[in-house]
N, C-alpha and C. Protein backbone atom coordinates (compact mmCIF):
# COMPACT_ATOMS: atom_id res chain seq x y z
N MET A 1 18.16 -19.18 45.48
CA MET A 1 18.20 -17.78 45.14
C MET A 1 18.72 -17.63 43.72
N ARG A 2 18.03 -16.80 42.95
CA ARG A 2 18.45 -16.53 41.59
C ARG A 2 19.34 -15.29 41.56
N SER A 3 20.29 -15.29 40.66
CA SER A 3 21.16 -14.14 40.52
C SER A 3 21.23 -13.73 39.06
N ILE A 4 21.00 -12.47 38.81
CA ILE A 4 21.11 -11.91 37.47
C ILE A 4 22.22 -10.88 37.54
N SER A 5 23.22 -11.03 36.72
CA SER A 5 24.37 -10.17 36.90
C SER A 5 24.41 -8.95 35.99
N GLU A 6 24.10 -9.08 34.70
CA GLU A 6 24.29 -7.93 33.84
C GLU A 6 23.41 -7.99 32.59
N PHE A 7 22.82 -6.85 32.26
CA PHE A 7 22.08 -6.67 31.01
C PHE A 7 22.55 -5.36 30.40
N VAL A 8 22.68 -5.32 29.11
CA VAL A 8 23.01 -4.07 28.42
C VAL A 8 21.71 -3.54 27.82
N VAL A 9 21.33 -2.34 28.25
CA VAL A 9 20.09 -1.73 27.82
C VAL A 9 20.44 -0.39 27.17
N LYS A 10 19.92 -0.17 25.96
CA LYS A 10 20.32 1.02 25.21
C LYS A 10 19.22 2.05 25.03
N SER A 11 18.01 1.79 25.54
CA SER A 11 16.92 2.75 25.38
C SER A 11 15.87 2.53 26.46
N GLU A 12 14.98 3.52 26.60
CA GLU A 12 13.88 3.37 27.56
C GLU A 12 12.97 2.21 27.15
N ILE A 13 12.77 2.03 25.87
CA ILE A 13 11.93 0.93 25.40
C ILE A 13 12.52 -0.41 25.81
N GLU A 14 13.83 -0.57 25.64
CA GLU A 14 14.49 -1.81 26.05
C GLU A 14 14.42 -1.99 27.57
N MET A 15 14.56 -0.89 28.31
CA MET A 15 14.48 -0.97 29.78
C MET A 15 13.08 -1.39 30.21
N ARG A 16 12.07 -0.83 29.58
CA ARG A 16 10.69 -1.20 29.91
C ARG A 16 10.46 -2.68 29.60
N LYS A 17 10.93 -3.14 28.45
CA LYS A 17 10.79 -4.56 28.08
C LYS A 17 11.51 -5.46 29.08
N LEU A 18 12.69 -5.04 29.53
CA LEU A 18 13.42 -5.81 30.53
C LEU A 18 12.61 -5.89 31.81
N GLY A 19 12.08 -4.77 32.27
CA GLY A 19 11.26 -4.76 33.48
C GLY A 19 10.06 -5.68 33.36
N TYR A 20 9.38 -5.60 32.24
CA TYR A 20 8.22 -6.47 32.01
C TYR A 20 8.64 -7.94 32.02
N SER A 21 9.77 -8.25 31.40
CA SER A 21 10.24 -9.64 31.36
C SER A 21 10.62 -10.15 32.74
N LEU A 22 11.24 -9.29 33.53
CA LEU A 22 11.67 -9.70 34.86
C LEU A 22 10.49 -10.09 35.75
N THR A 23 9.33 -9.50 35.51
CA THR A 23 8.18 -9.82 36.37
C THR A 23 7.81 -11.29 36.32
N ASN A 24 8.17 -11.97 35.26
CA ASN A 24 7.87 -13.40 35.15
C ASN A 24 8.72 -14.25 36.09
N LEU A 25 9.78 -13.68 36.61
CA LEU A 25 10.68 -14.41 37.50
C LEU A 25 10.33 -14.26 38.97
N PHE A 26 9.56 -13.23 39.31
CA PHE A 26 9.31 -12.89 40.71
C PHE A 26 8.27 -13.79 41.35
N GLN A 27 8.49 -14.03 42.64
CA GLN A 27 7.53 -14.78 43.46
C GLN A 27 7.25 -13.96 44.72
N SER A 28 6.15 -14.26 45.36
CA SER A 28 5.80 -13.59 46.60
C SER A 28 6.96 -13.70 47.59
N GLN A 29 7.25 -12.64 48.27
CA GLN A 29 8.28 -12.50 49.29
C GLN A 29 9.70 -12.47 48.72
N ASP A 30 9.86 -12.32 47.42
CA ASP A 30 11.19 -12.08 46.86
C ASP A 30 11.67 -10.70 47.27
N LEU A 31 12.94 -10.58 47.48
CA LEU A 31 13.57 -9.29 47.74
C LEU A 31 14.48 -9.03 46.55
N ILE A 32 14.18 -7.98 45.80
CA ILE A 32 14.95 -7.65 44.61
C ILE A 32 15.61 -6.31 44.85
N THR A 33 16.91 -6.23 44.61
CA THR A 33 17.63 -4.98 44.79
C THR A 33 18.31 -4.58 43.49
N PHE A 34 18.40 -3.29 43.28
CA PHE A 34 19.13 -2.75 42.14
C PHE A 34 20.12 -1.72 42.68
N THR A 35 21.34 -1.79 42.22
CA THR A 35 22.34 -0.80 42.60
C THR A 35 22.96 -0.23 41.33
N GLY A 36 23.42 0.98 41.43
CA GLY A 36 24.07 1.62 40.29
C GLY A 36 24.18 3.10 40.51
N ASP A 37 24.93 3.73 39.64
CA ASP A 37 25.13 5.17 39.74
C ASP A 37 23.82 5.93 39.53
N LEU A 38 23.80 7.15 40.00
CA LEU A 38 22.67 8.04 39.82
C LEU A 38 22.40 8.22 38.33
N GLY A 39 21.15 8.04 37.93
CA GLY A 39 20.77 8.29 36.55
C GLY A 39 20.91 7.13 35.58
N VAL A 40 21.22 5.93 36.08
CA VAL A 40 21.40 4.80 35.16
C VAL A 40 20.09 4.11 34.80
N GLY A 41 19.01 4.41 35.52
CA GLY A 41 17.71 3.84 35.17
C GLY A 41 17.09 2.91 36.18
N LYS A 42 17.60 2.88 37.40
CA LYS A 42 17.05 1.99 38.42
C LYS A 42 15.58 2.30 38.69
N THR A 43 15.26 3.57 38.88
CA THR A 43 13.88 3.96 39.16
C THR A 43 12.99 3.68 37.96
N PHE A 44 13.46 3.95 36.76
CA PHE A 44 12.68 3.67 35.56
C PHE A 44 12.38 2.17 35.46
N LEU A 45 13.39 1.35 35.77
CA LEU A 45 13.19 -0.10 35.74
C LEU A 45 12.17 -0.51 36.79
N CYS A 46 12.28 0.02 37.99
CA CYS A 46 11.31 -0.29 39.05
C CYS A 46 9.91 0.12 38.66
N LYS A 47 9.78 1.31 38.07
CA LYS A 47 8.47 1.78 37.64
C LYS A 47 7.88 0.84 36.59
N SER A 48 8.72 0.35 35.68
CA SER A 48 8.24 -0.57 34.65
C SER A 48 7.74 -1.87 35.28
N ILE A 49 8.48 -2.38 36.24
CA ILE A 49 8.10 -3.61 36.92
C ILE A 49 6.78 -3.42 37.68
N ILE A 50 6.71 -2.36 38.46
CA ILE A 50 5.50 -2.11 39.26
C ILE A 50 4.30 -1.87 38.35
N ASN A 51 4.49 -1.14 37.27
CA ASN A 51 3.41 -0.90 36.31
C ASN A 51 2.90 -2.21 35.73
N LYS A 52 3.80 -3.08 35.35
CA LYS A 52 3.40 -4.37 34.75
C LYS A 52 2.63 -5.22 35.76
N LEU A 53 3.09 -5.25 37.00
CA LEU A 53 2.44 -6.09 38.00
C LEU A 53 1.11 -5.53 38.50
N THR A 54 1.04 -4.22 38.65
CA THR A 54 -0.13 -3.62 39.29
C THR A 54 -1.08 -2.95 38.32
N ARG A 55 -0.59 -2.61 37.15
CA ARG A 55 -1.32 -1.84 36.13
C ARG A 55 -1.55 -0.39 36.56
N PHE A 56 -0.89 0.05 37.66
CA PHE A 56 -0.95 1.45 38.05
C PHE A 56 -0.19 2.25 37.00
N LYS A 57 -0.74 3.36 36.60
CA LYS A 57 -0.08 4.20 35.60
C LYS A 57 0.88 5.19 36.24
N GLU A 58 0.51 5.68 37.42
CA GLU A 58 1.31 6.71 38.08
C GLU A 58 2.17 6.09 39.17
N ILE A 59 3.40 5.76 38.84
CA ILE A 59 4.35 5.21 39.79
C ILE A 59 5.36 6.32 40.07
N THR A 60 5.47 6.74 41.32
CA THR A 60 6.38 7.83 41.65
C THR A 60 7.62 7.32 42.37
N SER A 61 8.69 8.07 42.23
CA SER A 61 9.94 7.72 42.90
C SER A 61 9.81 7.99 44.39
N PRO A 62 10.27 7.07 45.23
CA PRO A 62 10.19 7.28 46.68
C PRO A 62 11.41 8.02 47.24
N THR A 63 12.03 8.87 46.45
CA THR A 63 13.25 9.54 46.89
C THR A 63 13.06 10.31 48.19
N PHE A 64 11.95 11.02 48.33
CA PHE A 64 11.77 11.86 49.52
C PHE A 64 11.06 11.13 50.65
N ASN A 65 10.14 10.24 50.36
CA ASN A 65 9.46 9.51 51.44
C ASN A 65 10.07 8.14 51.67
N ILE A 66 11.07 7.76 50.94
CA ILE A 66 11.91 6.58 51.09
C ILE A 66 11.22 5.27 50.69
N VAL A 67 9.94 5.09 51.03
CA VAL A 67 9.23 3.86 50.67
C VAL A 67 7.86 4.20 50.10
N ASN A 68 7.54 3.65 48.95
CA ASN A 68 6.18 3.69 48.39
C ASN A 68 5.68 2.26 48.33
N THR A 69 4.42 2.06 48.66
CA THR A 69 3.84 0.73 48.66
C THR A 69 2.75 0.64 47.59
N TYR A 70 2.76 -0.45 46.85
CA TYR A 70 1.75 -0.73 45.83
C TYR A 70 1.23 -2.13 46.08
N TYR A 71 0.01 -2.38 45.65
CA TYR A 71 -0.59 -3.69 45.87
C TYR A 71 -0.78 -4.43 44.55
N PHE A 72 -0.41 -5.69 44.57
CA PHE A 72 -0.54 -6.59 43.43
C PHE A 72 -1.61 -7.61 43.79
N LYS A 73 -2.60 -7.72 42.95
CA LYS A 73 -3.73 -8.64 43.20
C LYS A 73 -4.39 -8.36 44.54
N ASN A 74 -4.39 -7.10 44.97
CA ASN A 74 -5.05 -6.64 46.19
C ASN A 74 -4.56 -7.30 47.47
N GLU A 75 -3.48 -8.06 47.42
CA GLU A 75 -3.03 -8.72 48.64
C GLU A 75 -1.52 -8.74 48.82
N ILE A 76 -0.78 -8.70 47.75
CA ILE A 76 0.67 -8.75 47.83
C ILE A 76 1.22 -7.33 47.77
N GLU A 77 1.99 -6.95 48.78
CA GLU A 77 2.57 -5.62 48.82
C GLU A 77 3.88 -5.59 48.04
N ILE A 78 4.03 -4.55 47.27
CA ILE A 78 5.30 -4.27 46.60
C ILE A 78 5.85 -3.02 47.24
N TRP A 79 7.02 -3.13 47.81
CA TRP A 79 7.66 -1.99 48.44
C TRP A 79 8.73 -1.47 47.51
N HIS A 80 8.58 -0.23 47.08
CA HIS A 80 9.58 0.42 46.26
C HIS A 80 10.35 1.38 47.17
N CYS A 81 11.58 1.02 47.46
CA CYS A 81 12.41 1.80 48.39
C CYS A 81 13.51 2.52 47.62
N ASP A 82 13.85 3.69 48.08
CA ASP A 82 14.95 4.45 47.50
C ASP A 82 15.80 4.97 48.65
N PHE A 83 16.97 4.39 48.80
CA PHE A 83 17.84 4.75 49.92
C PHE A 83 18.94 5.72 49.51
N TYR A 84 18.72 6.46 48.44
CA TYR A 84 19.72 7.40 47.94
C TYR A 84 20.13 8.42 49.00
N ARG A 85 19.18 8.93 49.75
CA ARG A 85 19.48 9.96 50.75
C ARG A 85 19.94 9.38 52.08
N ILE A 86 19.98 8.07 52.19
CA ILE A 86 20.40 7.40 53.42
C ILE A 86 21.92 7.26 53.41
N ASP A 87 22.55 7.67 54.50
CA ASP A 87 24.01 7.64 54.56
C ASP A 87 24.58 6.38 55.21
N SER A 88 23.75 5.67 55.98
CA SER A 88 24.29 4.49 56.66
C SER A 88 23.18 3.46 56.90
N PHE A 89 23.61 2.25 57.13
CA PHE A 89 22.68 1.17 57.44
C PHE A 89 21.87 1.50 58.70
N ASN A 90 22.50 2.16 59.66
CA ASN A 90 21.82 2.53 60.90
C ASN A 90 20.61 3.42 60.63
N GLU A 91 20.71 4.31 59.64
CA GLU A 91 19.58 5.18 59.32
C GLU A 91 18.39 4.37 58.81
N VAL A 92 18.64 3.33 58.05
CA VAL A 92 17.56 2.46 57.56
C VAL A 92 16.88 1.80 58.75
N GLU A 93 17.67 1.34 59.70
CA GLU A 93 17.09 0.74 60.91
C GLU A 93 16.29 1.77 61.70
N GLU A 94 16.81 2.99 61.80
CA GLU A 94 16.15 4.03 62.58
C GLU A 94 14.77 4.40 62.02
N ILE A 95 14.61 4.38 60.72
CA ILE A 95 13.30 4.75 60.16
C ILE A 95 12.31 3.59 60.20
N GLY A 96 12.78 2.40 60.61
CA GLY A 96 11.87 1.29 60.86
C GLY A 96 11.53 0.40 59.67
N VAL A 97 12.26 0.51 58.58
CA VAL A 97 11.94 -0.32 57.41
C VAL A 97 12.03 -1.79 57.76
N PHE A 98 13.06 -2.19 58.48
CA PHE A 98 13.23 -3.61 58.79
C PHE A 98 12.17 -4.11 59.76
N GLU A 99 11.76 -3.26 60.68
CA GLU A 99 10.68 -3.65 61.60
C GLU A 99 9.40 -3.93 60.82
N ASP A 100 9.08 -3.06 59.86
CA ASP A 100 7.89 -3.26 59.05
C ASP A 100 8.00 -4.52 58.21
N LEU A 101 9.19 -4.80 57.68
CA LEU A 101 9.38 -6.02 56.90
C LEU A 101 9.23 -7.27 57.78
N LYS A 102 9.72 -7.19 59.01
CA LYS A 102 9.57 -8.32 59.93
C LYS A 102 8.09 -8.61 60.21
N LYS A 103 7.30 -7.55 60.35
CA LYS A 103 5.87 -7.72 60.58
C LYS A 103 5.20 -8.42 59.42
N LYS A 104 5.75 -8.24 58.22
CA LYS A 104 5.19 -8.86 57.02
C LYS A 104 5.79 -10.23 56.76
N SER A 105 6.60 -10.73 57.67
CA SER A 105 7.23 -12.06 57.60
C SER A 105 8.22 -12.19 56.45
N PHE A 106 8.92 -11.11 56.13
CA PHE A 106 9.97 -11.21 55.12
C PHE A 106 11.25 -11.75 55.73
N PHE A 107 11.46 -11.48 57.02
CA PHE A 107 12.69 -11.91 57.67
C PHE A 107 12.34 -12.76 58.87
């Protein structure tokens, strides 16, 4: 397992470049998580990564529907999850995210 601890990013351009660079590290079935305060750029970073991998131009935040799915090379699913509105781990289990991941052989 690889661990990346900290990057200092001072602009949207730098954040986009970071997202594009990170895509070179990812492999199928990797689970990548980002944590941080509201407004620090987690969604922007995710959008940059998904855009680079899929070439989709319109990447939306999954804040209200919790999970958005995109396809890379027409076969690999990228799940963009936003658990901001989730108050507990039990709620994540209740909406079935882990069941769906198990079906995809992530766990």
